[in-house]
Amino acid sequence: NRIVDQCERLQILSASITKYVAEVLPEKNQRAVSTASAARELVIQRLGVVRSLCESEEQRLLEQVHGEEERAHQSILTQRVHWTEALQKLDSIRTSLVAMLTHLDDLQLIQKEQEIFERTEEAEGILDPQESDKLNFNEKCIRSPLLTQLWVTAVLGSLSGTEDVRIDERTVSPFLQLSDDRRSLTFNAKKSKACADAPERFDHWPNALAATSFQAGLHIWMVNVQNSCAYKVGVALGQLPRKGSGSDSRLGHNTFSWVFSRYDQEFRFSHDGQHEPLGLLRCPSQLGVLLDLQAQELLFYEPASGTVLHAHRAPFSGPLFPVFAVADQTISIVR
């Protein structure tokens, strides 16, 4: 009986397998082929939209660059013609005045006084050339939120990791506590007496500099800011003053620092005492910093979405250090 039962179970199993092979697997295969085809079409369609958008933006920006180049070129040509005519006029007036001085006696010079006055007044009306923005190529013509966002997304997708940024303990304010791994800064309202003063140390504002600086290439680092409602993250020149309560050592209030800051629900970008409000819809839990020294551009973005929060382009005059300030809780450099 047991053998009979076993034979029946084997027969049922064989029938089930036969049906699975004959009916289920072909259907699965057909469905896989169909799904793969749809997936291919979706990839092609979406990348086609991106490609078309990129091509349109490329064409638009190239046309703007060409137009700006033509405008600057025409301005320079106009200035050249104007000042060439001014030179000819000055030369003519000078020749005329020299001829009068050379060939006329005193009585004749007195008789020519009005003419001499008019020629002199005409010469004085020709002013010295002045620098003008109209003669310069305006690099703002290539500022494109779309291009910036696509470029940041591509960069983040292509890089294998972020910079190994650590804090220089010699620079840490006595109002901050540095973690053992030199990646976290915690604000203390009470000034630490154990923190010995040094030339590199910030003695008033709760600031700290990284141990390494960047002077070429592309660099990215991220900071966990979810626990703080008052912080600053950005870059600074090594010449940034460290002492006193003045604006010289306050991040974003001088020519030495460029920072993204948060105070409660207020976000802004600051440099040289100029503060640009940033209307963010939500508070980022992490803040990414992208420094492109070839393009002389500094970007702040949200790592979770890759959204660019602010972009700043300006010439930097020297190596840049990652810089941090904390006035509430803790911020940490992401490993």
Foldseek 3Di string as FASTA:
>chain_A
DVVVVVVVVVVVVVVVVVCCVVPVVVVVVVVVVVVVVVVVVVVCVVVVVVVVVVVVLVVQLVVLQVVLVVQLVVVVVVVVVVVVVLVVLLVVLVVVVVCCVVPPDPVVCVVCVVVNVVSVVVNVVDDDDDDDPSNPRDPCSSDDLVVVLVVLVVVVVPDPDADPWFWDLLAFEQQWDADPVRFKIFGHPDGDPVNDHDQNYQHPFRKTWTPDWDQAAKHKWKKFCQQAQWKKKFKFDSPQGRYDDDLSNPAQCQQGHWIWIGHRHWTWIGHNRDTGTFDDPDDARMKMWMQHLVQQKIWIARVVVSRTRDIDHDHDDGIMIIMMGGDHGMMGIDD
